[in-house]
Each structure stands twice: as structure tokens, then as C-alpha cells.
Amino acid sequence: MSKSPTHLSIKKHNNSVPQLLLQSLTHILKCIPSSHDTKKINTSQNTGTIITSMPSDQLNFIVRERKAAVQSSVKQLHFGGWKEKKAAAEEIKRLAGEGLGTRRLLAELGVITSLVCMLVESHDDQFRCLAVDTLIELADGTFRNKALIAEAGLLDNLPNINKSQDSNLKLKLATLLLSISTLTKTHFSITPQNILPFLTNILITIPSNLDQDLKLKCLATLYNLSTKLETLNLIASSVALVHALISLSLDQQTSKLALATLANLVLCSRGKKTIEDHESMVPQVFMEIMAWEEKPKCQELVMYILMMLANGSFAQRMKMRELGIVPLLLEVALLGSSSLAQKRALKMMEWFKDERHAKMGVHSGPQDQNRFSISGRSPQKGGGRQEECRRAVRRMVRQSLDQNLEMITRRGNGAQGCSLIKSLVVTRSSKSLPY
């Protein structure tokens, strides 16, 4: 009588369990230091040689013992009381740290769902921390286990878990969410509706001088989520979150991640508008970061954000000009610590120098309708007024450039002439970073 496909599949799965256990055992033996047998075993021997030289009955006994330990821990986690669950979780955490094969095997045995239930149902923060630690170990290095954690309902139950005031639990949850957020690199779809409130609550309430690691993990998670276009509108809809990002961009420890997220956010129209609505902070905050020569990546990111804000918005360009962005642009173009930031500054200077010749195109210049005639021909009405405006723009540009040159000359300890500027450019260019 032929066996059914289901029976064959189950048999194949059962046969694979000892093989996975043996692989995990190999890893353990590699890590165990020898004691009285050190002189007998050559240090050049690999673990496979040690295992093959071991008597088969002894090897089978070890595999059986290990299999029994795994089965016992899984059974206690599924059906035991809270004490048994705690002991089982500690054992599974230890086993998960032994290798990728063991982590995959434990996931196949259904421990992830039980650990998520333990995290949700328990009211003891110590139990919860243990469950999160075990899930972090199981998620390490495997997208499949991360997807299983998300499917087990962790994200759906995050609002209830977040009610705890234990800062240690929040830090561990942030670490787990950061691990899960890397699923954005795959085709697996993450629903961020429940993650964003958790991140927002931490970023807007944690004091600036406390839990820097917690903020960095939340910012890294937010950045990973912002790489998906479908998530950008959700982030942009949270005014408090965008405000927190702009504020954190002024902190040199968190600035890089905050600016990287804002650089993604400014790509969508809603995100750009939300940033522009912070009139008391934008673009002043970004113009301040332009002077961070010791942070080349921050300079690159902030120049990109300013380009996107100025592109297509005459009001933003006028506001930037009134706040004195032209001298800053010249300084970055000459002395910027990043070649990419220098190029972006030069591009923006072209826009401010003469908007009449700005090209209409993506990332190439202002996208709104110019005040001046692009064709160069004066319109039939108001030609004298437009010509007067052109002369005024030229005069402003010349005055700004003269002031910039004088400022750079004063910074050079009184040195005169263009040789100073050339020497500064040569000195800085050696520190410039490639794309």
C-alpha cells in the first residue's frame, strides 16, 4: 500500500530534526574548550573530525539527549505554568544563541507564537523582558523568523505592551522592532500603523539627556520604515513625529538618522508640506547644520533637504535668501567637507544667482513659474518693471559675493587675494568624500 504525500512529508520532517540537531551539536563542540584531552587532540583538527572519531553509540546518545532537551523546553513553553514557561524561555534563548540551524528548528517547533503570547499575556515585566530577549535571539540572521514574529501578532498587540513604564522593556522592544523593520528590504509587507505610535511616544517624551541608545534604535527603525513609499504618508501625517525629527536633527548624535529620515520624507508632497509647515524651524535648523564641517554626511543630507524644499517653491527660496543662505552656500561650496555637499551648494547658488536661466526639470532648478520671462523677450506690459527687477537681482548677487569673499578673507587671519581661497579649497578637497 503506497504512502500518502502527507505521510512522506511528515517523515521527511522528522528525519531532518536529528540532522539539524547534529549541526547545532557541531557548533557547540567547536566552542567547548578541551580539558584533559587537550594533548590528545591536535589543534588543527576541525569539529567534523572530532565528531566522526566519536563512537556512534556515544554520538547517538548525545543527539537523543539534546533532542529530548529541546522537546521538553518546547513542551513546557506550550503547556506549562508561568514558572515552567520562564525556565523554558531561558533554555530556548540559550539554544537560539548556538546557531542559525537551531533558531530555524525552534521556529519550526512553534516557539515564536508561544513567546509572543507570553509577552502579551504576562503582566510581569521580567517575564516580558525574557520573552523579548528570546525573540531577539530567534530573529537574529533570519528574515523568515522575523516574518513569523510579525505574523504571530506582535505588532498588533504593541499598543497594549507599550503601556508598561519599564524603560528596560522599552529598550528591548525597540531592539526587536529594529530587527523586524529590516523586513522592508524584502517583499514582506509590514503594517506600520502600530509601530509609529510606539516610536513617536518615545521620541517626543524621552528627555534629550537620557536613553540615547533608545532614541537611536527608534530613529533607525523609523528610517527603515521610511524607505517604503507607502509608509511616507503615514509618517508625514504625524505632525508631532516630524517635529521631533527636526528637533533631533540638531543633536549631533542623532542628527544623521533624523536627517536621513527627513530626506526620505521630503520626497513625497505631503511630507514636504508637513516639513514646510514648521515655519519657526524650517529652514533655520537646516541652515545651522550646513556649518557642521566635522559631519560630512549630515552636510550632504541637509543640502539635499534644502534643495528639495527650494525646488518648486519660490516662497521657500525667498525665505532662505532673507535668512542669509547665499553666504552659507558659498562657504559650503568652497570649504565643504564633502564633495557631494559642495556640488549641491553650487547647484543651489545657480538657482539663486539668476532664476531666469533656471532649467525646468526634475532636481535641476525651480519648478514654479518664474517671475521673469524665460524667453528673454520683454512682455508687452510691465517690461520696465521686470528689467528693474533683473538689475536688482544682479546687484544683490554681486553684493552677496563681495560680502562672502570678505568674510572668508577675514577667517584666513588676514591673508589677502585669491591665493588664500585656492589654498583653502586644496586643503579641504583632500578631506572630501566620494559619492
Protein backbone atom coordinates (compact mmCIF):
# COMPACT_ATOMS: atom_id res chain seq x y z
CA MET A 1 0.00 0.00 0.00
CA SER A 2 1.52 3.35 -1.09
CA LYS A 3 2.10 6.06 1.48
CA SER A 4 0.30 9.36 1.16
CA PRO A 5 2.25 12.54 0.33
CA THR A 6 1.35 13.95 3.76
CA HIS A 7 2.86 10.94 5.48
CA LEU A 8 6.02 11.20 3.41
CA SER A 9 6.29 14.92 4.21
CA ILE A 10 5.98 14.32 7.96
CA LYS A 11 8.53 11.53 7.79
CA LYS A 12 10.94 13.74 5.91
CA HIS A 13 10.50 16.49 8.52
CA ASN A 14 11.14 14.06 11.38
CA ASN A 15 14.26 12.79 9.67
CA SER A 16 15.56 16.33 9.29
CA VAL A 17 15.32 17.04 13.03
CA PRO A 18 18.34 14.89 14.03
CA GLN A 19 20.35 16.42 11.19
CA LEU A 20 19.63 19.95 12.41
CA LEU A 21 20.42 18.89 15.96
CA LEU A 22 23.70 17.39 14.78
CA GLN A 23 24.63 20.66 13.06
CA SER A 24 23.89 22.54 16.26
CA LEU A 25 25.93 19.99 18.21
CA THR A 26 28.84 20.56 15.84
CA HIS A 27 28.77 24.25 16.66
CA ILE A 28 28.70 23.53 20.41
CA LEU A 29 31.64 21.15 20.26
CA LYS A 30 33.62 23.76 18.37
CA CYS A 31 33.08 26.25 21.20
CA ILE A 32 33.77 23.86 24.11
CA PRO A 33 37.39 24.09 25.31
CA SER A 34 39.11 20.78 25.90
CA SER A 35 40.30 19.81 29.36
CA HIS A 36 42.21 16.55 29.98
CA ASP A 37 42.00 15.57 26.29
CA THR A 38 43.77 18.73 25.07
CA LYS A 39 47.08 16.94 24.47
CA LYS A 40 45.42 14.05 22.62
CA ILE A 41 43.61 16.20 20.05
CA ASN A 42 45.64 18.21 17.56
CA THR A 43 44.57 21.87 17.47
CA SER A 44 44.44 21.74 13.67
CA GLN A 45 41.64 19.14 13.74
CA ASN A 46 38.22 20.53 12.83
CA THR A 47 34.99 19.72 14.59
CA GLY A 48 33.86 17.33 11.89
CA THR A 49 36.89 15.13 12.52
CA ILE A 50 36.16 15.09 16.25
CA ILE A 51 32.57 14.04 15.66
CA THR A 52 33.42 11.31 13.17
CA SER A 53 36.04 9.90 15.55
CA MET A 54 33.43 9.73 18.31
CA PRO A 55 31.81 6.30 18.79
CA SER A 56 28.44 6.10 17.06
CA ASP A 57 26.59 4.99 20.19
CA GLN A 58 28.01 7.94 22.14
CA LEU A 59 27.07 10.35 19.35
CA ASN A 60 23.55 8.93 19.15
CA PHE A 61 23.19 9.26 22.91
CA ILE A 62 24.19 12.95 22.80
CA VAL A 63 21.78 13.62 19.93
CA ARG A 64 18.95 11.85 21.79
CA GLU A 65 19.68 13.82 24.96
CA ARG A 66 19.75 17.08 23.04
CA LYS A 67 16.55 16.26 21.18
CA ALA A 68 14.85 15.40 24.47
CA ALA A 69 16.00 18.71 26.00
CA VAL A 70 14.60 20.68 23.04
CA GLN A 71 11.31 18.78 23.11
CA SER A 72 10.99 19.25 26.87
CA SER A 73 11.61 23.01 26.63
CA VAL A 74 9.14 23.41 23.78
CA LYS A 75 6.51 21.35 25.62
CA GLN A 76 6.92 23.41 28.80
CA LEU A 77 6.67 26.65 26.83
CA HIS A 78 3.47 25.50 25.13
CA PHE A 79 1.66 23.84 28.03
CA GLY A 80 3.45 24.66 31.30
CA GLY A 81 2.65 27.17 34.00
CA TRP A 82 4.40 30.51 34.31
CA LYS A 83 7.37 29.01 36.18
CA GLU A 84 7.78 26.31 33.55
CA LYS A 85 7.38 28.88 30.77
CA LYS A 86 10.09 31.05 32.29
CA ALA A 87 12.54 28.14 32.59
CA ALA A 88 11.69 27.01 29.06
CA ALA A 89 12.18 30.51 27.64
CA GLU A 90 15.60 30.76 29.29
CA GLU A 91 16.61 27.41 27.79
CA ILE A 92 15.27 28.33 24.34
CA LYS A 93 17.13 31.65 24.50
CA ARG A 94 20.33 29.74 25.23
CA LEU A 95 19.69 27.26 22.42
CA ALA A 96 18.85 30.05 19.96
CA GLY A 97 22.23 31.62 20.56
CA GLU A 98 24.04 28.49 19.40
CA GLY A 99 23.47 28.77 15.67
CA LEU A 100 21.21 29.61 12.77
CA GLY A 101 20.18 25.98 12.28
CA THR A 102 18.92 25.74 15.85
CA ARG A 103 17.00 29.00 15.51
CA ARG A 104 15.25 27.70 12.40
CA LEU A 105 14.45 24.40 14.10
CA LEU A 106 12.98 26.14 17.15
CA ALA A 107 10.83 28.32 14.90
CA GLU A 108 9.52 25.22 13.12
CA LEU A 109 8.54 23.81 16.51
CA GLY A 110 6.26 26.83 17.09
CA VAL A 111 8.07 28.57 19.92
CA ILE A 112 7.68 32.04 18.36
CA THR A 113 3.89 32.08 18.72
CA SER A 114 4.12 30.93 22.34
CA LEU A 115 6.72 33.58 23.17
CA VAL A 116 4.57 36.33 21.65
CA CYS A 117 1.60 35.07 23.71
CA MET A 118 3.81 35.07 26.81
CA LEU A 119 4.80 38.67 26.06
CA VAL A 120 1.20 39.81 25.55
CA GLU A 121 -0.49 37.90 28.37
CA SER A 122 2.08 38.29 31.14
CA HIS A 123 1.83 41.26 33.50
CA ASP A 124 5.32 40.68 34.89
CA ASP A 125 7.89 42.93 33.20
CA GLN A 126 10.66 40.42 33.96
CA PHE A 127 8.78 37.72 32.05
CA ARG A 128 8.15 40.16 29.23
CA CYS A 129 11.82 41.14 29.04
CA LEU A 130 12.79 37.47 28.91
CA ALA A 131 10.30 36.82 26.10
CA VAL A 132 11.59 39.80 24.09
CA ASP A 133 15.22 38.73 24.62
CA THR A 134 14.39 35.25 23.36
CA LEU A 135 12.60 36.65 20.30
CA ILE A 136 15.61 38.87 19.56
CA GLU A 137 17.85 35.79 19.59
CA LEU A 138 15.45 33.86 17.35
CA ALA A 139 15.24 36.76 14.86
CA ASP A 140 18.99 37.15 14.53
CA GLY A 141 20.14 36.48 10.98
CA THR A 142 16.92 35.06 9.56
CA PHE A 143 14.23 37.05 7.74
CA ARG A 144 11.91 34.04 7.99
CA ASN A 145 11.84 34.15 11.79
CA LYS A 146 11.34 37.94 11.73
CA ALA A 147 8.35 37.47 9.45
CA LEU A 148 6.98 34.77 11.77
CA ILE A 149 7.25 37.16 14.73
CA ALA A 150 5.29 39.81 12.81
CA GLU A 151 2.68 37.26 11.74
CA ALA A 152 2.34 35.98 15.33
CA GLY A 153 0.68 39.27 16.29
CA LEU A 154 3.48 41.20 17.97
CA LEU A 155 2.79 44.40 16.02
CA ASP A 156 -0.98 44.16 16.53
CA ASN A 157 -0.54 43.86 20.30
CA LEU A 158 2.17 46.51 20.56
CA PRO A 159 -0.20 49.22 21.92
CA ASN A 160 -1.05 47.02 24.93
CA ILE A 161 2.58 46.08 25.54
CA ASN A 162 3.63 49.72 25.30
CA LYS A 163 1.57 50.60 28.38
CA SER A 164 4.41 49.36 30.57
CA GLN A 165 6.61 52.08 32.09
CA ASP A 166 9.67 49.83 32.36
CA SER A 167 12.45 51.60 30.43
CA ASN A 168 14.40 48.34 30.12
CA LEU A 169 11.42 46.68 28.41
CA LYS A 170 11.06 49.65 26.05
CA LEU A 171 14.72 49.39 25.07
CA LYS A 172 14.40 45.67 24.37
CA LEU A 173 11.20 46.23 22.37
CA ALA A 174 12.96 48.93 20.35
CA THR A 175 15.76 46.46 19.60
CA LEU A 176 13.26 43.83 18.46
CA LEU A 177 11.34 46.33 16.31
CA LEU A 178 14.59 47.47 14.71
CA SER A 179 15.31 43.86 13.80
CA ILE A 180 11.81 43.36 12.37
CA SER A 181 11.97 46.65 10.43
CA THR A 182 14.74 45.22 8.26
CA LEU A 183 11.96 43.23 6.56
CA THR A 184 11.47 46.38 4.46
CA LYS A 185 14.40 45.08 2.41
CA THR A 186 12.26 42.10 1.41
CA HIS A 187 8.85 41.66 -0.21
CA PHE A 188 7.24 41.04 3.19
CA SER A 189 4.73 43.78 3.98
CA ILE A 190 4.91 45.41 7.42
CA THR A 191 1.92 47.38 8.69
CA PRO A 192 3.48 50.38 10.47
CA GLN A 193 0.24 51.74 11.95
CA ASN A 194 1.02 50.22 15.36
CA ILE A 195 4.79 50.79 15.23
CA LEU A 196 4.66 54.55 14.60
CA PRO A 197 2.78 55.45 17.84
CA PHE A 198 5.35 53.47 19.84
CA LEU A 199 8.23 55.30 18.14
CA THR A 200 6.52 58.69 18.39
CA ASN A 201 5.79 58.25 22.09
CA ILE A 202 9.46 57.56 22.80
CA LEU A 203 10.93 60.24 20.54
CA ILE A 204 8.76 63.06 21.89
CA THR A 205 8.79 62.10 25.59
CA ILE A 206 12.28 60.80 26.33
CA PRO A 207 14.45 63.65 27.73
CA SER A 208 17.31 64.62 25.45
CA ASN A 209 19.96 63.66 28.01
CA LEU A 210 18.54 60.20 28.79
CA ASP A 211 18.38 56.88 26.94
CA GLN A 212 20.36 57.93 23.88
CA ASP A 213 20.57 54.31 22.77
CA LEU A 214 16.78 54.00 22.89
CA LYS A 215 16.34 57.08 20.69
CA LEU A 216 18.92 55.84 18.19
CA LYS A 217 17.18 52.47 17.86
CA CYS A 218 13.81 54.17 17.33
CA LEU A 219 15.29 56.52 14.73
CA ALA A 220 16.92 53.60 12.91
CA THR A 221 13.58 51.75 12.88
CA LEU A 222 11.81 54.86 11.57
CA TYR A 223 14.41 55.27 8.84
CA ASN A 224 13.94 51.66 7.71
CA LEU A 225 10.18 52.18 7.54
CA SER A 226 10.61 55.44 5.60
CA THR A 227 12.35 53.61 2.76
CA LYS A 228 8.92 52.32 1.69
CA LEU A 229 6.90 54.88 -0.27
CA GLU A 230 3.60 53.60 1.13
CA THR A 231 4.81 54.42 4.66
CA LEU A 232 5.86 58.02 3.95
CA ASN A 233 2.31 59.42 4.03
CA LEU A 234 1.70 57.78 7.42
CA ILE A 235 4.85 59.36 8.84
CA ALA A 236 4.01 62.73 7.27
CA SER A 237 0.54 62.67 8.84
CA SER A 238 2.10 62.78 12.32
CA VAL A 239 3.00 66.43 12.95
CA ALA A 240 4.46 65.54 16.35
CA LEU A 241 6.76 62.94 14.82
CA VAL A 242 8.02 65.31 12.11
CA HIS A 243 8.57 68.00 14.75
CA ALA A 244 10.61 65.50 16.80
CA LEU A 245 12.71 64.61 13.75
CA ILE A 246 13.51 68.26 13.03
CA SER A 247 14.44 68.83 16.69
CA LEU A 248 16.61 65.70 16.85
CA SER A 249 18.44 66.76 13.70
CA LEU A 250 20.12 69.49 15.79
CA ASP A 251 21.63 66.86 18.12
CA GLN A 252 24.88 65.69 16.56
CA GLN A 253 24.43 62.18 17.99
CA THR A 254 21.00 61.68 16.44
CA SER A 255 21.28 64.10 13.51
CA LYS A 256 22.39 61.61 10.87
CA LEU A 257 19.42 59.26 11.30
CA ALA A 258 16.93 62.11 11.74
CA LEU A 259 18.15 63.88 8.58
CA ALA A 260 18.18 60.63 6.60
CA THR A 261 14.52 60.06 7.52
CA LEU A 262 13.62 63.67 6.65
CA ALA A 263 15.43 63.27 3.32
CA ASN A 264 13.12 60.36 2.52
CA LEU A 265 10.10 62.24 3.84
CA VAL A 266 10.69 65.29 1.65
CA LEU A 267 10.31 63.09 -1.44
CA CYS A 268 6.52 62.96 -1.09
CA SER A 269 4.39 66.09 -1.41
CA ARG A 270 2.64 65.54 1.92
CA GLY A 271 5.93 65.09 3.75
CA LYS A 272 7.39 68.18 2.12
CA LYS A 273 4.37 70.25 3.15
CA THR A 274 4.49 68.96 6.74
CA ILE A 275 8.14 70.00 6.98
CA GLU A 276 7.43 73.41 5.45
CA ASP A 277 4.59 73.97 7.93
CA HIS A 278 7.15 74.16 10.75
CA GLU A 279 7.83 77.78 9.81
CA SER A 280 9.58 78.63 13.07
CA MET A 281 12.15 75.87 12.50
CA VAL A 282 12.44 75.48 8.73
CA PRO A 283 14.77 76.29 7.07
CA GLN A 284 16.63 77.85 10.03
CA VAL A 285 17.50 74.49 11.60
CA PHE A 286 18.83 73.11 8.33
CA MET A 287 20.87 76.24 7.62
CA GLU A 288 22.52 75.85 11.03
CA ILE A 289 23.52 72.26 10.20
CA MET A 290 25.14 73.46 6.96
CA ALA A 291 28.08 74.73 9.04
CA TRP A 292 28.89 71.28 10.52
CA GLU A 293 32.15 70.67 8.67
CA GLU A 294 33.04 67.79 11.01
CA LYS A 295 29.86 65.94 9.94
CA PRO A 296 30.17 65.44 6.16
CA LYS A 297 27.23 63.04 5.90
CA CYS A 298 24.97 65.46 7.77
CA GLN A 299 26.10 68.23 5.42
CA GLU A 300 25.21 66.10 2.40
CA LEU A 301 21.78 65.21 3.76
CA VAL A 302 20.86 68.73 4.83
CA MET A 303 21.90 70.14 1.44
CA TYR A 304 19.64 67.58 -0.22
CA ILE A 305 16.71 68.55 2.02
CA LEU A 306 17.25 72.25 1.30
CA MET A 307 17.41 71.54 -2.43
CA MET A 308 14.12 69.67 -2.31
CA LEU A 309 12.47 72.44 -0.27
CA ALA A 310 13.73 75.18 -2.61
CA ASN A 311 12.86 73.21 -5.71
CA GLY A 312 9.41 74.29 -6.86
CA SER A 313 8.78 76.77 -4.04
CA PHE A 314 9.51 80.44 -4.73
CA ALA A 315 8.35 81.29 -1.19
CA GLN A 316 10.92 78.94 0.35
CA ARG A 317 13.70 80.36 -1.83
CA MET A 318 12.82 83.91 -0.84
CA LYS A 319 12.73 82.91 2.83
CA MET A 320 16.13 81.24 2.53
CA ARG A 321 17.56 84.31 0.81
CA GLU A 322 16.23 86.62 3.51
CA LEU A 323 17.75 84.42 6.21
CA GLY A 324 21.16 84.68 4.52
CA ILE A 325 21.58 81.31 2.86
CA VAL A 326 23.72 82.63 -0.01
CA PRO A 327 26.84 83.24 2.14
CA LEU A 328 26.39 79.78 3.68
CA LEU A 329 26.09 78.20 0.25
CA LEU A 330 29.31 79.86 -0.88
CA GLU A 331 31.07 78.67 2.27
CA VAL A 332 29.93 75.07 1.73
CA ALA A 333 30.83 75.24 -1.97
CA LEU A 334 34.38 76.37 -1.12
CA LEU A 335 35.05 74.73 2.23
CA GLY A 336 32.56 71.88 2.47
CA SER A 337 33.90 68.63 3.91
CA SER A 338 32.02 66.56 1.31
CA SER A 339 32.34 66.84 -2.46
CA LEU A 340 28.67 65.93 -2.84
CA ALA A 341 27.65 68.72 -0.45
CA GLN A 342 29.84 71.13 -2.43
CA LYS A 343 28.14 70.17 -5.69
CA ARG A 344 24.70 70.60 -4.19
CA ALA A 345 25.65 74.00 -2.79
CA LEU A 346 26.90 75.11 -6.21
CA LYS A 347 23.66 73.97 -7.82
CA MET A 348 21.61 75.98 -5.33
CA MET A 349 23.83 79.02 -5.88
CA GLU A 350 23.00 78.83 -9.58
CA TRP A 351 19.31 78.96 -8.71
CA PHE A 352 19.75 81.99 -6.50
CA LYS A 353 22.15 83.73 -8.88
CA ASP A 354 19.74 84.09 -11.73
CA GLU A 355 16.35 82.39 -11.64
CA ARG A 356 15.64 83.47 -15.21
CA HIS A 357 18.00 80.80 -16.55
CA ALA A 358 16.91 78.00 -14.23
CA LYS A 359 16.02 74.92 -16.25
CA MET A 360 12.62 73.34 -15.89
CA GLY A 361 13.27 69.74 -14.88
CA VAL A 362 13.46 67.26 -12.04
CA HIS A 363 16.16 68.26 -9.49
CA SER A 364 17.54 70.82 -11.98
CA GLY A 365 16.01 74.03 -10.72
CA PRO A 366 12.91 75.83 -9.57
CA GLN A 367 9.71 74.17 -10.72
CA ASP A 368 7.29 77.02 -10.18
CA GLN A 369 6.55 79.68 -12.77
CA ASN A 370 9.30 82.26 -12.89
CA ARG A 371 8.55 85.84 -12.24
CA PHE A 372 10.69 86.76 -15.22
CA SER A 373 10.31 85.98 -18.90
CA ILE A 374 12.24 82.78 -19.69
CA SER A 375 12.47 83.54 -23.40
CA GLY A 376 14.36 86.78 -22.76
CA ARG A 377 11.76 88.87 -24.60
CA SER A 378 10.04 91.53 -22.55
CA PRO A 379 6.29 91.18 -22.39
CA GLN A 380 4.19 93.87 -23.89
CA LYS A 381 3.19 95.21 -20.46
CA GLY A 382 5.39 95.90 -17.46
CA GLY A 383 8.69 95.45 -19.34
CA GLY A 384 10.38 98.30 -17.50
CA ARG A 385 9.42 96.86 -14.10
CA GLN A 386 10.84 93.42 -14.97
CA GLU A 387 14.09 94.92 -16.22
CA GLU A 388 14.39 96.82 -12.96
CA CYS A 389 13.88 93.56 -11.05
CA ARG A 390 16.61 91.89 -13.10
CA ARG A 391 19.06 94.65 -12.28
CA ALA A 392 18.13 94.40 -8.60
CA VAL A 393 18.80 90.64 -8.59
CA ARG A 394 22.20 91.14 -10.25
CA ARG A 395 23.08 93.82 -7.71
CA MET A 396 22.08 91.58 -4.79
CA VAL A 397 24.17 88.69 -6.13
CA ARG A 398 27.24 90.89 -6.59
CA GLN A 399 26.89 92.35 -3.10
CA SER A 400 26.44 88.90 -1.58
CA LEU A 401 29.52 87.52 -3.33
CA ASP A 402 31.61 90.51 -2.24
CA GLN A 403 30.50 90.05 1.36
CA ASN A 404 31.29 86.32 1.22
CA LEU A 405 34.78 86.91 -0.11
CA GLU A 406 35.46 89.47 2.62
CA MET A 407 34.19 87.07 5.30
CA ILE A 408 36.37 84.20 4.05
CA THR A 409 39.36 86.52 3.87
CA ARG A 410 38.86 87.62 7.49
CA ARG A 411 38.68 83.98 8.57
CA GLY A 412 42.02 83.37 6.95
CA ASN A 413 43.81 85.50 9.60
CA GLY A 414 44.15 88.49 7.35
CA ALA A 415 45.68 86.81 4.29
CA GLN A 416 44.89 88.66 1.02
CA GLY A 417 43.98 87.67 -2.50
CA CYS A 418 42.58 84.63 -4.23
CA SER A 419 45.60 82.50 -3.27
CA LEU A 420 44.07 82.07 0.20
CA ILE A 421 40.81 80.76 -1.19
CA LYS A 422 42.65 78.39 -3.53
CA SER A 423 44.77 77.04 -0.68
CA LEU A 424 41.68 76.51 1.46
CA VAL A 425 39.96 74.65 -1.35
CA VAL A 426 43.00 72.41 -1.86
CA THR A 427 43.21 71.69 1.86
CA ARG A 428 39.53 70.82 2.13
CA SER A 429 39.34 68.83 -1.07
CA SER A 430 41.72 66.27 0.37
CA LYS A 431 39.09 65.54 3.01
CA SER A 432 36.20 65.33 0.60
CA LEU A 433 34.34 62.07 0.43
CA PRO A 434 33.40 60.30 -2.80
CA TYR A 435 29.77 59.72 -3.73
